[in-house]
Amino acid sequence: MAAALEAAQGDITREAVDAIVNAANSGLARGGGVCGAIFSAAGPELDGACAELGGCPTGDAKATPGFRLPARWIIHAVGPVWHGGDSAEPELLASAYRRSLAVADEIGARSVAFPAISTGIYGYPLDAATAIAVRTCRDAETDVDLIRFVCFDDKTLRTYQLALGK
């Protein structure tokens, strides 16, 4: 059975799901935006756990414990930086979502909350990124039962609701 997909506005660090996804950088280092918020909320143990993973290539994902978060796990997904769309950005973004769900399956997560990967400082256009996120998650073969797209603001929420047909 396919996972249920929903969009909600809120703070991903407060999501009571099995795993939240961090829009990570390839060094898995503390960053800005959603990444910085997750590192702050999870606590200082996250820095060491990420350092032990030794980075992550663009389009891939790796998991750490959630530490002080309500979520048991953090899946660190590395989306692409937008360079105009001709540098395999759509394929890499879809891969980041697919790999996140594969990692969720590996750790036994049944509910996963995603941010809008690559749409912040990485500059990926919101409409295009949302379409890829929804299509990729809809088509994924996964044991995850619930995929929640957690939107930072009204515009992002509306974009996801449109893509989900709500």
N, C-alpha and C. Protein backbone atom coordinates (compact mmCIF):
# COMPACT_ATOMS: atom_id res chain seq x y z
N MET A 1 0.84 -1.19 0.00
CA MET A 1 0.00 0.00 0.00
C MET A 1 0.88 1.25 0.00
N ALA A 2 0.51 2.23 -0.76
CA ALA A 2 1.29 3.46 -0.86
C ALA A 2 1.18 4.28 0.41
N ALA A 3 2.24 5.02 0.69
CA ALA A 3 2.25 5.89 1.86
C ALA A 3 1.22 7.01 1.68
N ALA A 4 0.63 7.44 2.78
CA ALA A 4 -0.24 8.62 2.77
C ALA A 4 0.66 9.85 2.74
N LEU A 5 0.32 10.81 1.87
CA LEU A 5 1.09 12.04 1.76
C LEU A 5 0.25 13.20 2.25
N GLU A 6 0.85 14.06 3.08
CA GLU A 6 0.14 15.24 3.56
C GLU A 6 1.11 16.39 3.72
N ALA A 7 0.56 17.60 3.73
CA ALA A 7 1.36 18.80 3.94
C ALA A 7 0.82 19.53 5.15
N ALA A 8 1.73 20.09 5.94
CA ALA A 8 1.36 20.85 7.12
C ALA A 8 2.36 21.98 7.31
N GLN A 9 1.90 23.07 7.86
CA GLN A 9 2.81 24.16 8.18
C GLN A 9 3.27 23.99 9.61
N GLY A 10 4.57 24.19 9.85
CA GLY A 10 5.05 24.06 11.21
C GLY A 10 6.56 23.99 11.31
N ASP A 11 7.00 23.56 12.48
CA ASP A 11 8.41 23.45 12.82
C ASP A 11 8.78 21.97 12.78
N ILE A 12 9.60 21.58 11.84
CA ILE A 12 9.94 20.16 11.66
C ILE A 12 10.60 19.58 12.91
N THR A 13 11.26 20.40 13.71
CA THR A 13 11.93 19.89 14.91
C THR A 13 10.94 19.45 15.98
N ARG A 14 9.67 19.80 15.81
CA ARG A 14 8.65 19.42 16.79
C ARG A 14 7.75 18.28 16.31
N GLU A 15 8.05 17.76 15.15
CA GLU A 15 7.22 16.70 14.58
C GLU A 15 7.38 15.39 15.36
N ALA A 16 6.25 14.83 15.78
CA ALA A 16 6.24 13.55 16.49
C ALA A 16 6.08 12.42 15.48
N VAL A 17 7.14 12.19 14.71
CA VAL A 17 7.18 11.13 13.71
C VAL A 17 8.40 10.25 14.03
N ASP A 18 8.50 9.12 13.35
CA ASP A 18 9.66 8.25 13.58
C ASP A 18 10.96 8.90 13.14
N ALA A 19 10.91 9.61 12.00
CA ALA A 19 12.11 10.24 11.46
C ALA A 19 11.77 11.57 10.82
N ILE A 20 12.65 12.54 11.04
CA ILE A 20 12.56 13.79 10.29
C ILE A 20 13.74 13.81 9.32
N VAL A 21 13.56 14.51 8.22
CA VAL A 21 14.63 14.63 7.23
C VAL A 21 15.25 16.01 7.38
N ASN A 22 16.57 16.02 7.41
CA ASN A 22 17.34 17.25 7.45
C ASN A 22 17.80 17.58 6.04
N ALA A 23 17.58 18.81 5.61
CA ALA A 23 18.11 19.28 4.33
C ALA A 23 19.59 19.58 4.59
N ALA A 24 20.42 18.57 4.41
CA ALA A 24 21.81 18.61 4.84
C ALA A 24 22.74 19.10 3.74
N ASN A 25 23.95 19.47 4.17
CA ASN A 25 25.03 19.75 3.23
C ASN A 25 25.90 18.50 3.13
N SER A 26 26.75 18.42 2.12
CA SER A 26 27.51 17.19 1.87
C SER A 26 28.51 16.88 2.98
N GLY A 27 28.87 17.87 3.78
CA GLY A 27 29.76 17.62 4.90
C GLY A 27 29.02 17.15 6.15
N LEU A 28 27.68 17.14 6.07
CA LEU A 28 26.81 16.82 7.22
C LEU A 28 27.16 17.70 8.42
N ALA A 29 27.53 18.93 8.12
CA ALA A 29 27.90 19.90 9.16
C ALA A 29 26.71 20.78 9.51
N ARG A 30 26.76 21.35 10.70
CA ARG A 30 25.75 22.31 11.14
C ARG A 30 25.68 23.42 10.10
N GLY A 31 24.47 23.76 9.68
CA GLY A 31 24.31 24.79 8.66
C GLY A 31 23.29 25.82 9.10
N GLY A 32 22.73 26.52 8.12
CA GLY A 32 21.69 27.51 8.41
C GLY A 32 20.32 26.91 8.13
N GLY A 33 19.31 27.74 8.17
CA GLY A 33 17.95 27.32 7.82
C GLY A 33 17.48 26.13 8.62
N VAL A 34 16.79 25.21 7.93
CA VAL A 34 16.22 24.04 8.60
C VAL A 34 17.33 23.18 9.21
N CYS A 35 18.46 23.09 8.56
CA CYS A 35 19.58 22.31 9.06
C CYS A 35 20.06 22.86 10.41
N GLY A 36 20.24 24.16 10.50
CA GLY A 36 20.67 24.78 11.75
C GLY A 36 19.65 24.58 12.86
N ALA A 37 18.37 24.68 12.51
CA ALA A 37 17.30 24.48 13.50
C ALA A 37 17.32 23.06 14.04
N ILE A 38 17.53 22.09 13.16
CA ILE A 38 17.56 20.69 13.58
C ILE A 38 18.77 20.44 14.48
N PHE A 39 19.93 20.94 14.10
CA PHE A 39 21.12 20.78 14.94
C PHE A 39 20.91 21.40 16.32
N SER A 40 20.34 22.60 16.36
CA SER A 40 20.10 23.26 17.64
C SER A 40 19.15 22.47 18.52
N ALA A 41 18.06 21.99 17.93
CA ALA A 41 17.05 21.28 18.70
C ALA A 41 17.51 19.89 19.13
N ALA A 42 18.32 19.23 18.30
CA ALA A 42 18.77 17.87 18.61
C ALA A 42 19.82 17.85 19.71
N GLY A 43 20.59 18.93 19.82
CA GLY A 43 21.63 19.00 20.85
C GLY A 43 23.01 18.71 20.30
N PRO A 44 24.03 18.95 21.12
CA PRO A 44 25.42 18.87 20.66
C PRO A 44 25.88 17.48 20.23
N GLU A 45 25.17 16.44 20.66
CA GLU A 45 25.54 15.08 20.26
C GLU A 45 25.44 14.88 18.76
N LEU A 46 24.56 15.65 18.11
CA LEU A 46 24.37 15.50 16.67
C LEU A 46 25.63 15.84 15.89
N ASP A 47 26.37 16.85 16.33
CA ASP A 47 27.61 17.21 15.63
C ASP A 47 28.56 16.02 15.54
N GLY A 48 28.76 15.33 16.66
CA GLY A 48 29.66 14.19 16.68
C GLY A 48 29.15 13.03 15.85
N ALA A 49 27.84 12.77 15.93
CA ALA A 49 27.25 11.67 15.16
C ALA A 49 27.41 11.92 13.66
N CYS A 50 27.22 13.16 13.24
CA CYS A 50 27.37 13.48 11.81
C CYS A 50 28.85 13.40 11.39
N ALA A 51 29.74 13.86 12.25
CA ALA A 51 31.18 13.80 11.93
C ALA A 51 31.61 12.34 11.70
N GLU A 52 31.07 11.43 12.49
CA GLU A 52 31.42 10.01 12.36
C GLU A 52 30.97 9.43 11.02
N LEU A 53 29.94 10.00 10.40
CA LEU A 53 29.44 9.49 9.12
C LEU A 53 30.34 9.85 7.95
N GLY A 54 31.20 10.85 8.13
CA GLY A 54 32.17 11.19 7.10
C GLY A 54 31.59 11.81 5.84
N GLY A 55 30.52 12.58 5.98
CA GLY A 55 29.95 13.25 4.81
C GLY A 55 28.95 12.38 4.06
N CYS A 56 28.36 12.98 3.02
CA CYS A 56 27.33 12.31 2.25
C CYS A 56 27.25 12.98 0.88
N PRO A 57 27.30 12.20 -0.20
CA PRO A 57 27.23 12.83 -1.52
C PRO A 57 25.84 13.40 -1.84
N THR A 58 25.82 14.36 -2.73
CA THR A 58 24.56 14.94 -3.19
C THR A 58 23.69 13.84 -3.79
N GLY A 59 22.41 13.85 -3.40
CA GLY A 59 21.47 12.85 -3.89
C GLY A 59 21.37 11.64 -2.99
N ASP A 60 22.16 11.60 -1.92
CA ASP A 60 22.15 10.46 -1.01
C ASP A 60 21.62 10.89 0.36
N ALA A 61 21.51 9.93 1.28
CA ALA A 61 21.00 10.20 2.62
C ALA A 61 21.60 9.22 3.62
N LYS A 62 21.78 9.68 4.85
CA LYS A 62 22.30 8.86 5.95
C LYS A 62 21.54 9.22 7.22
N ALA A 63 21.47 8.27 8.15
CA ALA A 63 20.69 8.49 9.38
C ALA A 63 21.56 8.61 10.62
N THR A 64 21.06 9.39 11.57
CA THR A 64 21.61 9.47 12.92
C THR A 64 20.44 9.37 13.89
N PRO A 65 20.73 9.11 15.16
CA PRO A 65 19.66 9.21 16.16
C PRO A 65 19.11 10.64 16.20
N GLY A 66 17.91 10.78 16.74
CA GLY A 66 17.29 12.10 16.87
C GLY A 66 17.72 12.87 18.11
N PHE A 67 18.39 12.18 19.02
CA PHE A 67 18.87 12.79 20.26
C PHE A 67 17.73 13.48 21.01
N ARG A 68 17.73 14.81 21.11
CA ARG A 68 16.73 15.51 21.93
C ARG A 68 15.45 15.87 21.19
N LEU A 69 15.31 15.40 19.97
CA LEU A 69 14.09 15.67 19.18
C LEU A 69 12.99 14.68 19.55
N PRO A 70 11.73 15.03 19.28
CA PRO A 70 10.65 14.05 19.45
C PRO A 70 10.82 12.86 18.50
N ALA A 71 11.40 13.10 17.32
CA ALA A 71 11.64 12.03 16.35
C ALA A 71 12.81 11.17 16.81
N ARG A 72 12.67 9.87 16.61
CA ARG A 72 13.73 8.94 17.01
C ARG A 72 14.96 9.05 16.12
N TRP A 73 14.75 9.41 14.88
CA TRP A 73 15.83 9.44 13.88
C TRP A 73 15.84 10.76 13.12
N ILE A 74 17.03 11.09 12.62
CA ILE A 74 17.19 12.18 11.65
C ILE A 74 17.82 11.56 10.42
N ILE A 75 17.17 11.75 9.29
CA ILE A 75 17.72 11.30 8.01
C ILE A 75 18.28 12.54 7.33
N HIS A 76 19.58 12.53 7.10
CA HIS A 76 20.27 13.69 6.51
C HIS A 76 20.33 13.48 5.00
N ALA A 77 19.54 14.25 4.26
CA ALA A 77 19.46 14.13 2.80
C ALA A 77 20.14 15.33 2.17
N VAL A 78 21.02 15.06 1.22
CA VAL A 78 21.75 16.14 0.56
C VAL A 78 21.14 16.40 -0.81
N GLY A 79 20.44 17.52 -0.90
CA GLY A 79 19.86 17.93 -2.18
C GLY A 79 20.86 18.75 -2.97
N PRO A 80 20.55 18.99 -4.23
CA PRO A 80 21.46 19.75 -5.09
C PRO A 80 21.33 21.26 -4.92
N VAL A 81 22.42 21.95 -5.18
CA VAL A 81 22.38 23.41 -5.33
C VAL A 81 21.85 23.69 -6.74
N TRP A 82 20.93 24.64 -6.87
CA TRP A 82 20.34 24.99 -8.16
C TRP A 82 21.35 25.75 -9.01
N HIS A 83 21.62 25.25 -10.22
CA HIS A 83 22.51 25.93 -11.16
C HIS A 83 21.79 26.18 -12.48
N GLY A 84 20.45 26.27 -12.44
CA GLY A 84 19.70 26.54 -13.65
C GLY A 84 18.96 25.34 -14.21
N GLY A 85 19.21 24.16 -13.68
CA GLY A 85 18.46 22.98 -14.08
C GLY A 85 19.15 22.07 -15.07
N ASP A 86 20.31 22.46 -15.56
CA ASP A 86 21.01 21.64 -16.56
C ASP A 86 22.18 20.87 -15.98
N SER A 87 22.26 20.79 -14.65
CA SER A 87 23.37 20.09 -13.99
C SER A 87 22.85 18.90 -13.20
N ALA A 88 21.87 18.20 -13.75
CA ALA A 88 21.26 17.01 -13.15
C ALA A 88 20.52 17.30 -11.84
N GLU A 89 20.15 18.56 -11.62
CA GLU A 89 19.46 18.90 -10.36
C GLU A 89 18.17 18.12 -10.15
N PRO A 90 17.29 17.97 -11.17
CA PRO A 90 16.06 17.22 -10.93
C PRO A 90 16.32 15.77 -10.52
N GLU A 91 17.27 15.11 -11.18
CA GLU A 91 17.60 13.73 -10.85
C GLU A 91 18.18 13.63 -9.44
N LEU A 92 19.06 14.57 -9.09
CA LEU A 92 19.69 14.54 -7.77
C LEU A 92 18.67 14.82 -6.67
N LEU A 93 17.74 15.72 -6.92
CA LEU A 93 16.71 16.02 -5.91
C LEU A 93 15.80 14.80 -5.72
N ALA A 94 15.36 14.20 -6.81
CA ALA A 94 14.53 13.00 -6.71
C ALA A 94 15.29 11.90 -5.96
N SER A 95 16.56 11.76 -6.24
CA SER A 95 17.38 10.76 -5.56
C SER A 95 17.45 11.01 -4.06
N ALA A 96 17.56 12.27 -3.65
CA ALA A 96 17.61 12.60 -2.22
C ALA A 96 16.32 12.15 -1.52
N TYR A 97 15.18 12.33 -2.15
CA TYR A 97 13.91 11.87 -1.58
C TYR A 97 13.84 10.33 -1.57
N ARG A 98 14.20 9.70 -2.70
CA ARG A 98 14.18 8.23 -2.77
C ARG A 98 15.10 7.61 -1.74
N ARG A 99 16.32 8.12 -1.64
CA ARG A 99 17.30 7.58 -0.68
C ARG A 99 16.83 7.81 0.76
N SER A 100 16.17 8.94 1.02
CA SER A 100 15.64 9.18 2.37
C SER A 100 14.63 8.10 2.75
N LEU A 101 13.76 7.75 1.82
CA LEU A 101 12.76 6.72 2.09
C LEU A 101 13.40 5.35 2.21
N ALA A 102 14.44 5.08 1.44
CA ALA A 102 15.15 3.80 1.55
C ALA A 102 15.83 3.70 2.92
N VAL A 103 16.43 4.79 3.37
CA VAL A 103 17.05 4.81 4.70
C VAL A 103 15.97 4.65 5.77
N ALA A 104 14.82 5.30 5.58
CA ALA A 104 13.70 5.14 6.53
C ALA A 104 13.32 3.67 6.64
N ASP A 105 13.27 2.97 5.52
CA ASP A 105 12.96 1.54 5.54
C ASP A 105 14.03 0.76 6.31
N GLU A 106 15.29 1.12 6.09
CA GLU A 106 16.40 0.42 6.76
C GLU A 106 16.32 0.56 8.28
N ILE A 107 15.90 1.72 8.78
CA ILE A 107 15.86 1.96 10.23
C ILE A 107 14.48 1.64 10.82
N GLY A 108 13.54 1.22 9.98
CA GLY A 108 12.22 0.83 10.46
C GLY A 108 11.27 1.97 10.73
N ALA A 109 11.53 3.14 10.16
CA ALA A 109 10.64 4.29 10.35
C ALA A 109 9.38 4.12 9.52
N ARG A 110 8.23 4.32 10.14
CA ARG A 110 6.95 4.21 9.44
C ARG A 110 6.33 5.58 9.14
N SER A 111 6.83 6.63 9.81
CA SER A 111 6.35 7.99 9.55
C SER A 111 7.57 8.90 9.39
N VAL A 112 7.53 9.72 8.34
CA VAL A 112 8.67 10.57 8.00
C VAL A 112 8.18 11.97 7.67
N ALA A 113 8.88 12.97 8.21
CA ALA A 113 8.58 14.38 7.90
C ALA A 113 9.73 14.96 7.08
N PHE A 114 9.37 15.53 5.94
CA PHE A 114 10.35 16.15 5.04
C PHE A 114 10.22 17.67 5.06
N PRO A 115 11.34 18.39 4.99
CA PRO A 115 11.28 19.82 4.67
C PRO A 115 11.28 19.95 3.14
N ALA A 116 11.23 21.15 2.64
CA ALA A 116 11.31 21.39 1.20
C ALA A 116 12.80 21.42 0.81
N ILE A 117 13.35 20.23 0.59
CA ILE A 117 14.79 20.08 0.34
C ILE A 117 15.25 20.94 -0.84
N SER A 118 16.36 21.63 -0.65
CA SER A 118 17.06 22.45 -1.66
C SER A 118 16.39 23.77 -2.00
N THR A 119 15.23 24.08 -1.39
CA THR A 119 14.51 25.31 -1.80
C THR A 119 14.95 26.55 -1.01
N GLY A 120 15.78 26.38 0.00
CA GLY A 120 16.24 27.53 0.79
C GLY A 120 17.49 28.12 0.16
N ILE A 121 18.60 28.09 0.89
CA ILE A 121 19.84 28.69 0.40
C ILE A 121 20.40 27.99 -0.84
N TYR A 122 19.93 26.76 -1.12
CA TYR A 122 20.39 26.07 -2.32
C TYR A 122 19.68 26.57 -3.57
N GLY A 123 18.62 27.38 -3.41
CA GLY A 123 18.02 28.12 -4.51
C GLY A 123 17.16 27.36 -5.50
N TYR A 124 16.76 26.13 -5.18
CA TYR A 124 15.93 25.36 -6.11
C TYR A 124 14.54 26.01 -6.18
N PRO A 125 14.02 26.28 -7.37
CA PRO A 125 12.69 26.90 -7.48
C PRO A 125 11.63 26.04 -6.78
N LEU A 126 10.81 26.67 -5.95
CA LEU A 126 9.85 25.97 -5.10
C LEU A 126 8.88 25.11 -5.90
N ASP A 127 8.28 25.64 -6.96
CA ASP A 127 7.29 24.87 -7.72
C ASP A 127 7.90 23.59 -8.29
N ALA A 128 9.07 23.71 -8.90
CA ALA A 128 9.72 22.55 -9.51
C ALA A 128 10.14 21.54 -8.44
N ALA A 129 10.70 22.03 -7.33
CA ALA A 129 11.15 21.13 -6.26
C ALA A 129 9.98 20.40 -5.62
N THR A 130 8.87 21.11 -5.45
CA THR A 130 7.68 20.50 -4.84
C THR A 130 7.12 19.39 -5.74
N ALA A 131 7.05 19.66 -7.03
CA ALA A 131 6.55 18.66 -7.98
C ALA A 131 7.41 17.39 -7.92
N ILE A 132 8.72 17.56 -7.85
CA ILE A 132 9.64 16.41 -7.77
C ILE A 132 9.44 15.67 -6.46
N ALA A 133 9.33 16.41 -5.36
CA ALA A 133 9.16 15.79 -4.04
C ALA A 133 7.89 14.95 -3.99
N VAL A 134 6.79 15.52 -4.43
CA VAL A 134 5.51 14.82 -4.36
C VAL A 134 5.51 13.61 -5.30
N ARG A 135 5.95 13.80 -6.53
CA ARG A 135 5.97 12.70 -7.50
C ARG A 135 6.88 11.56 -7.01
N THR A 136 8.06 11.90 -6.54
CA THR A 136 9.02 10.89 -6.10
C THR A 136 8.47 10.11 -4.90
N CYS A 137 7.90 10.80 -3.94
CA CYS A 137 7.36 10.12 -2.75
C CYS A 137 6.12 9.29 -3.09
N ARG A 138 5.31 9.80 -4.01
CA ARG A 138 4.11 9.05 -4.44
C ARG A 138 4.50 7.75 -5.13
N ASP A 139 5.56 7.80 -5.93
CA ASP A 139 5.98 6.65 -6.73
C ASP A 139 6.91 5.69 -5.99
N ALA A 140 7.40 6.09 -4.84
CA ALA A 140 8.40 5.28 -4.13
C ALA A 140 7.80 3.99 -3.59
N GLU A 141 8.57 2.94 -3.69
CA GLU A 141 8.22 1.68 -3.04
C GLU A 141 8.87 1.71 -1.67
N THR A 142 8.04 1.85 -0.64
CA THR A 142 8.54 2.02 0.71
C THR A 142 7.58 1.39 1.71
N ASP A 143 8.11 1.07 2.88
CA ASP A 143 7.28 0.58 3.98
C ASP A 143 6.75 1.72 4.84
N VAL A 144 7.15 2.94 4.53
CA VAL A 144 6.68 4.11 5.28
C VAL A 144 5.18 4.27 5.04
N ASP A 145 4.43 4.49 6.12
CA ASP A 145 2.98 4.65 6.04
C ASP A 145 2.56 6.10 5.84
N LEU A 146 3.33 7.03 6.43
CA LEU A 146 2.96 8.45 6.40
C LEU A 146 4.16 9.30 6.03
N ILE A 147 3.98 10.12 5.00
CA ILE A 147 4.98 11.10 4.60
C ILE A 147 4.33 12.47 4.77
N ARG A 148 4.92 13.28 5.65
CA ARG A 148 4.40 14.62 5.90
C ARG A 148 5.42 15.63 5.38
N PHE A 149 4.97 16.53 4.51
CA PHE A 149 5.80 17.62 4.04
C PHE A 149 5.56 18.79 4.99
N VAL A 150 6.57 19.12 5.79
CA VAL A 150 6.42 20.17 6.79
C VAL A 150 6.94 21.47 6.18
N CYS A 151 6.02 22.41 6.04
CA CYS A 151 6.27 23.65 5.32
C CYS A 151 6.53 24.79 6.29
N PHE A 152 7.55 25.56 6.00
CA PHE A 152 8.00 26.65 6.85
C PHE A 152 7.05 27.85 6.81
N ASP A 153 6.43 28.09 5.65
CA ASP A 153 5.59 29.29 5.51
C ASP A 153 4.35 28.99 4.67
N ASP A 154 3.46 30.00 4.58
CA ASP A 154 2.19 29.85 3.84
C ASP A 154 2.41 29.51 2.37
N LYS A 155 3.36 30.19 1.73
CA LYS A 155 3.61 29.99 0.30
C LYS A 155 4.02 28.54 0.03
N THR A 156 4.90 28.01 0.85
CA THR A 156 5.35 26.63 0.67
C THR A 156 4.19 25.66 0.90
N LEU A 157 3.41 25.90 1.94
CA LEU A 157 2.25 25.05 2.22
C LEU A 157 1.28 25.05 1.05
N ARG A 158 0.95 26.22 0.51
CA ARG A 158 0.04 26.30 -0.63
C ARG A 158 0.59 25.55 -1.84
N THR A 159 1.89 25.66 -2.06
CA THR A 159 2.50 24.98 -3.19
C THR A 159 2.40 23.47 -3.04
N TYR A 160 2.65 22.96 -1.83
CA TYR A 160 2.51 21.52 -1.58
C TYR A 160 1.06 21.08 -1.68
N GLN A 161 0.14 21.87 -1.14
CA GLN A 161 -1.27 21.49 -1.22
C GLN A 161 -1.74 21.39 -2.66
N LEU A 162 -1.30 22.31 -3.50
CA LEU A 162 -1.62 22.25 -4.93
C LEU A 162 -1.05 20.98 -5.57
N ALA A 163 0.21 20.69 -5.28
CA ALA A 163 0.86 19.52 -5.86
C ALA A 163 0.20 18.22 -5.38
N LEU A 164 -0.31 18.22 -4.16
CA LEU A 164 -0.98 17.05 -3.62
C LEU A 164 -2.44 16.94 -4.07
N GLY A 165 -2.92 17.99 -4.76
CA GLY A 165 -4.29 17.99 -5.23
C GLY A 165 -5.30 18.26 -4.13
N LYS A 166 -4.89 19.03 -3.12
CA LYS A 166 -5.77 19.35 -1.98
C LYS A 166 -6.38 20.73 -2.14
